[in-house]
N, C-alpha and C. Protein backbone atom coordinates (compact mmCIF):
# COMPACT_ATOMS: atom_id res chain seq x y z
N MET A 1 8.89 7.06 -9.80
CA MET A 1 8.89 5.75 -10.42
C MET A 1 7.83 5.65 -11.52
N ARG A 2 6.54 5.85 -11.16
CA ARG A 2 5.49 5.70 -12.16
C ARG A 2 4.77 7.00 -12.46
N GLY A 3 5.30 8.13 -12.08
CA GLY A 3 4.67 9.36 -12.44
C GLY A 3 4.30 10.21 -11.25
N ALA A 4 3.67 11.35 -11.55
CA ALA A 4 3.37 12.34 -10.52
C ALA A 4 2.40 11.82 -9.47
N LEU A 5 1.41 11.02 -9.87
CA LEU A 5 0.45 10.52 -8.89
C LEU A 5 1.10 9.62 -7.86
N ASP A 6 2.20 8.99 -8.22
CA ASP A 6 2.87 8.10 -7.29
C ASP A 6 3.66 8.84 -6.23
N SER A 7 3.88 10.13 -6.40
CA SER A 7 4.65 10.87 -5.42
C SER A 7 3.78 11.46 -4.32
N ILE A 8 2.53 10.99 -4.23
CA ILE A 8 1.63 11.42 -3.17
C ILE A 8 2.25 11.05 -1.83
N ALA A 9 2.09 11.90 -0.84
CA ALA A 9 2.65 11.62 0.48
C ALA A 9 2.10 10.30 1.01
N MET A 10 3.00 9.52 1.64
CA MET A 10 2.61 8.21 2.12
C MET A 10 1.47 8.26 3.12
N ASP A 11 1.43 9.27 3.98
CA ASP A 11 0.38 9.32 4.98
C ASP A 11 -0.98 9.58 4.36
N GLU A 12 -1.05 10.09 3.14
CA GLU A 12 -2.30 10.29 2.44
C GLU A 12 -2.70 9.06 1.64
N ALA A 13 -1.74 8.28 1.18
CA ALA A 13 -2.01 7.20 0.26
C ALA A 13 -2.04 5.82 0.91
N MET A 14 -1.41 5.66 2.04
CA MET A 14 -1.25 4.33 2.61
C MET A 14 -1.72 4.35 4.06
N SER A 15 -2.54 3.39 4.41
CA SER A 15 -3.03 3.33 5.79
C SER A 15 -1.89 2.93 6.73
N PRO A 16 -1.94 3.39 7.96
CA PRO A 16 -0.91 3.00 8.93
C PRO A 16 -0.86 1.48 9.12
N LEU A 17 -2.01 0.81 9.07
CA LEU A 17 -2.00 -0.65 9.23
C LEU A 17 -1.30 -1.34 8.07
N THR A 18 -1.47 -0.82 6.86
CA THR A 18 -0.78 -1.41 5.72
C THR A 18 0.72 -1.22 5.86
N LEU A 19 1.15 -0.05 6.28
CA LEU A 19 2.58 0.17 6.50
C LEU A 19 3.10 -0.73 7.62
N GLU A 20 2.28 -0.96 8.64
CA GLU A 20 2.68 -1.88 9.72
C GLU A 20 2.84 -3.30 9.19
N LEU A 21 1.91 -3.74 8.34
CA LEU A 21 2.01 -5.06 7.73
C LEU A 21 3.29 -5.18 6.91
N LEU A 22 3.56 -4.20 6.06
CA LEU A 22 4.76 -4.24 5.23
C LEU A 22 6.03 -4.28 6.08
N THR A 23 6.04 -3.49 7.14
CA THR A 23 7.19 -3.49 8.05
C THR A 23 7.33 -4.84 8.74
N TRP A 24 6.22 -5.40 9.20
CA TRP A 24 6.22 -6.70 9.89
C TRP A 24 6.81 -7.79 8.99
N ILE A 25 6.41 -7.77 7.72
CA ILE A 25 6.93 -8.78 6.77
C ILE A 25 8.41 -8.54 6.50
N SER A 26 8.82 -7.28 6.44
CA SER A 26 10.21 -6.98 6.06
C SER A 26 11.22 -7.29 7.16
N VAL A 27 10.79 -7.41 8.39
CA VAL A 27 11.71 -7.61 9.52
C VAL A 27 12.43 -8.95 9.45
N ARG A 28 11.72 -10.01 9.08
CA ARG A 28 12.31 -11.34 8.98
C ARG A 28 11.41 -12.21 8.13
N PRO A 29 11.92 -13.33 7.65
CA PRO A 29 11.05 -14.23 6.87
C PRO A 29 9.85 -14.67 7.70
N ARG A 30 8.68 -14.67 7.08
CA ARG A 30 7.43 -15.07 7.75
C ARG A 30 6.79 -16.20 6.98
N THR A 31 6.18 -17.12 7.71
CA THR A 31 5.43 -18.18 7.05
C THR A 31 4.03 -17.66 6.74
N TYR A 32 3.38 -18.34 5.81
CA TYR A 32 2.00 -18.00 5.50
C TYR A 32 1.13 -18.18 6.73
N ALA A 33 1.37 -19.24 7.49
CA ALA A 33 0.58 -19.49 8.71
C ALA A 33 0.74 -18.34 9.71
N GLU A 34 1.97 -17.84 9.88
CA GLU A 34 2.19 -16.69 10.77
C GLU A 34 1.40 -15.47 10.29
N ALA A 35 1.47 -15.22 8.99
CA ALA A 35 0.78 -14.06 8.44
C ALA A 35 -0.72 -14.17 8.65
N MET A 36 -1.27 -15.34 8.43
CA MET A 36 -2.72 -15.52 8.60
C MET A 36 -3.12 -15.40 10.07
N GLU A 37 -2.28 -15.91 10.96
CA GLU A 37 -2.59 -15.81 12.38
C GLU A 37 -2.58 -14.34 12.83
N ALA A 38 -1.63 -13.58 12.32
CA ALA A 38 -1.47 -12.20 12.76
C ALA A 38 -2.35 -11.21 12.00
N TRP A 39 -2.65 -11.46 10.72
CA TRP A 39 -3.25 -10.42 9.88
C TRP A 39 -4.58 -10.77 9.24
N ARG A 40 -5.00 -12.01 9.26
CA ARG A 40 -6.26 -12.38 8.64
C ARG A 40 -7.43 -11.82 9.44
N SER A 41 -8.44 -11.36 8.75
CA SER A 41 -9.61 -10.81 9.42
C SER A 41 -10.86 -11.16 8.63
N ASN A 42 -11.91 -11.49 9.33
CA ASN A 42 -13.20 -11.72 8.69
C ASN A 42 -14.03 -10.45 8.66
N CYS A 43 -13.47 -9.38 9.19
CA CYS A 43 -14.17 -8.09 9.23
C CYS A 43 -13.88 -7.33 7.93
N PRO A 44 -14.93 -7.01 7.16
CA PRO A 44 -14.69 -6.30 5.90
C PRO A 44 -14.10 -4.90 6.09
N ARG A 45 -14.16 -4.36 7.28
CA ARG A 45 -13.60 -3.03 7.54
C ARG A 45 -12.12 -3.08 7.88
N GLN A 46 -11.59 -4.28 8.10
CA GLN A 46 -10.17 -4.41 8.42
C GLN A 46 -9.56 -5.52 7.58
N SER A 47 -9.41 -5.22 6.32
CA SER A 47 -8.93 -6.22 5.35
C SER A 47 -7.50 -5.92 4.91
N VAL A 48 -6.64 -5.64 5.85
CA VAL A 48 -5.27 -5.21 5.55
C VAL A 48 -4.54 -6.22 4.67
N TRP A 49 -4.57 -7.49 5.05
CA TRP A 49 -3.88 -8.51 4.29
C TRP A 49 -4.44 -8.61 2.87
N ASP A 50 -5.75 -8.71 2.75
CA ASP A 50 -6.38 -8.84 1.43
C ASP A 50 -6.10 -7.61 0.57
N ASP A 51 -6.18 -6.43 1.15
CA ASP A 51 -5.92 -5.20 0.39
C ASP A 51 -4.47 -5.17 -0.10
N ALA A 52 -3.54 -5.57 0.76
CA ALA A 52 -2.13 -5.57 0.35
C ALA A 52 -1.88 -6.56 -0.78
N ARG A 53 -2.55 -7.71 -0.74
CA ARG A 53 -2.42 -8.69 -1.84
C ARG A 53 -2.99 -8.12 -3.13
N ILE A 54 -4.19 -7.54 -3.06
CA ILE A 54 -4.85 -6.99 -4.25
C ILE A 54 -4.02 -5.86 -4.86
N GLU A 55 -3.42 -5.04 -4.01
CA GLU A 55 -2.62 -3.90 -4.48
C GLU A 55 -1.24 -4.33 -4.97
N GLY A 56 -0.92 -5.61 -4.84
CA GLY A 56 0.37 -6.11 -5.32
C GLY A 56 1.53 -5.76 -4.42
N LEU A 57 1.26 -5.55 -3.13
CA LEU A 57 2.33 -5.18 -2.19
C LEU A 57 2.99 -6.38 -1.55
N VAL A 58 2.24 -7.47 -1.39
CA VAL A 58 2.77 -8.68 -0.79
C VAL A 58 2.39 -9.88 -1.64
N THR A 59 3.15 -10.94 -1.48
CA THR A 59 2.88 -12.17 -2.20
C THR A 59 3.05 -13.35 -1.26
N ALA A 60 2.29 -14.39 -1.50
CA ALA A 60 2.47 -15.64 -0.76
C ALA A 60 3.14 -16.61 -1.72
N ASN A 61 4.30 -17.09 -1.35
CA ASN A 61 5.05 -18.00 -2.23
C ASN A 61 5.39 -19.27 -1.48
N GLY A 62 4.75 -20.36 -1.86
CA GLY A 62 4.95 -21.61 -1.15
C GLY A 62 4.39 -21.50 0.25
N SER A 63 5.23 -21.68 1.23
CA SER A 63 4.77 -21.58 2.62
C SER A 63 5.12 -20.23 3.25
N GLY A 64 5.74 -19.33 2.47
CA GLY A 64 6.15 -18.04 3.01
C GLY A 64 5.45 -16.86 2.38
N VAL A 65 5.64 -15.72 3.00
CA VAL A 65 5.12 -14.47 2.45
C VAL A 65 6.28 -13.51 2.27
N ALA A 66 6.14 -12.59 1.33
CA ALA A 66 7.22 -11.66 1.04
C ALA A 66 6.65 -10.38 0.47
N LEU A 67 7.43 -9.33 0.56
CA LEU A 67 7.08 -8.08 -0.10
C LEU A 67 7.39 -8.21 -1.59
N THR A 68 6.56 -7.62 -2.41
CA THR A 68 6.87 -7.52 -3.83
C THR A 68 7.80 -6.33 -4.01
N ALA A 69 8.27 -6.12 -5.21
CA ALA A 69 9.11 -4.94 -5.49
C ALA A 69 8.33 -3.67 -5.18
N LEU A 70 7.04 -3.65 -5.53
CA LEU A 70 6.20 -2.48 -5.22
C LEU A 70 6.05 -2.32 -3.72
N GLY A 71 5.85 -3.41 -3.00
CA GLY A 71 5.74 -3.34 -1.55
C GLY A 71 6.99 -2.79 -0.90
N ARG A 72 8.16 -3.22 -1.38
CA ARG A 72 9.43 -2.68 -0.86
C ARG A 72 9.55 -1.20 -1.17
N ALA A 73 9.17 -0.80 -2.37
CA ALA A 73 9.26 0.61 -2.76
C ALA A 73 8.33 1.47 -1.91
N VAL A 74 7.12 0.98 -1.66
CA VAL A 74 6.18 1.72 -0.82
C VAL A 74 6.74 1.86 0.59
N LEU A 75 7.26 0.78 1.14
CA LEU A 75 7.82 0.82 2.48
C LEU A 75 8.99 1.78 2.57
N GLU A 76 9.78 1.86 1.53
CA GLU A 76 10.92 2.77 1.49
C GLU A 76 10.51 4.20 1.12
N GLY A 77 9.21 4.40 0.89
CA GLY A 77 8.71 5.74 0.60
C GLY A 77 8.95 6.21 -0.81
N GLU A 78 9.26 5.29 -1.72
CA GLU A 78 9.57 5.67 -3.09
C GLU A 78 8.34 5.86 -3.96
N THR A 79 7.26 5.16 -3.64
CA THR A 79 6.07 5.23 -4.47
C THR A 79 4.85 4.90 -3.64
N ALA A 80 3.70 5.28 -4.12
CA ALA A 80 2.43 4.95 -3.46
C ALA A 80 1.55 4.24 -4.47
N PRO A 81 0.77 3.26 -4.04
CA PRO A 81 -0.14 2.60 -4.98
C PRO A 81 -1.07 3.62 -5.59
N GLN A 82 -1.34 3.48 -6.86
CA GLN A 82 -2.16 4.41 -7.58
C GLN A 82 -3.62 4.05 -7.41
N ALA A 83 -4.41 4.98 -6.88
CA ALA A 83 -5.85 4.75 -6.72
C ALA A 83 -6.52 4.88 -8.09
N ALA A 84 -7.59 4.14 -8.28
CA ALA A 84 -8.33 4.23 -9.53
C ALA A 84 -8.96 5.60 -9.64
N SER A 85 -8.89 6.17 -10.81
CA SER A 85 -9.51 7.48 -11.01
C SER A 85 -11.01 7.29 -11.12
N PRO A 86 -11.81 8.33 -10.87
CA PRO A 86 -13.26 8.20 -10.94
C PRO A 86 -13.75 7.68 -12.29
N SER A 87 -13.06 8.02 -13.36
CA SER A 87 -13.49 7.55 -14.68
C SER A 87 -13.25 6.06 -14.85
N GLU A 88 -12.24 5.50 -14.14
CA GLU A 88 -11.95 4.07 -14.24
C GLU A 88 -12.96 3.24 -13.46
N SER A 89 -13.51 3.80 -12.37
CA SER A 89 -14.42 3.03 -11.54
C SER A 89 -15.87 3.16 -12.00
N ALA A 90 -16.14 4.01 -12.97
CA ALA A 90 -17.51 4.19 -13.46
C ALA A 90 -17.86 3.15 -14.50
């Protein structure tokens, strides 16, 4: 889809919790309240929901949550979010 870096194996590029979140959202329509009850965390080491939003994998629209096109592609194994290269983070 977006180049060679996107064809990285999913187990190397995506955490199991993120894949679980994407799967959970894809199973049936979810409300924002459901998502917050199940996935919100005040622990900076477990920021699955926030990370998925920042990476553009999920969106909150009105009172519901949904996968973005990128989130669906990641779940289907078509692409992996591109990590910033060391030169971009410097």
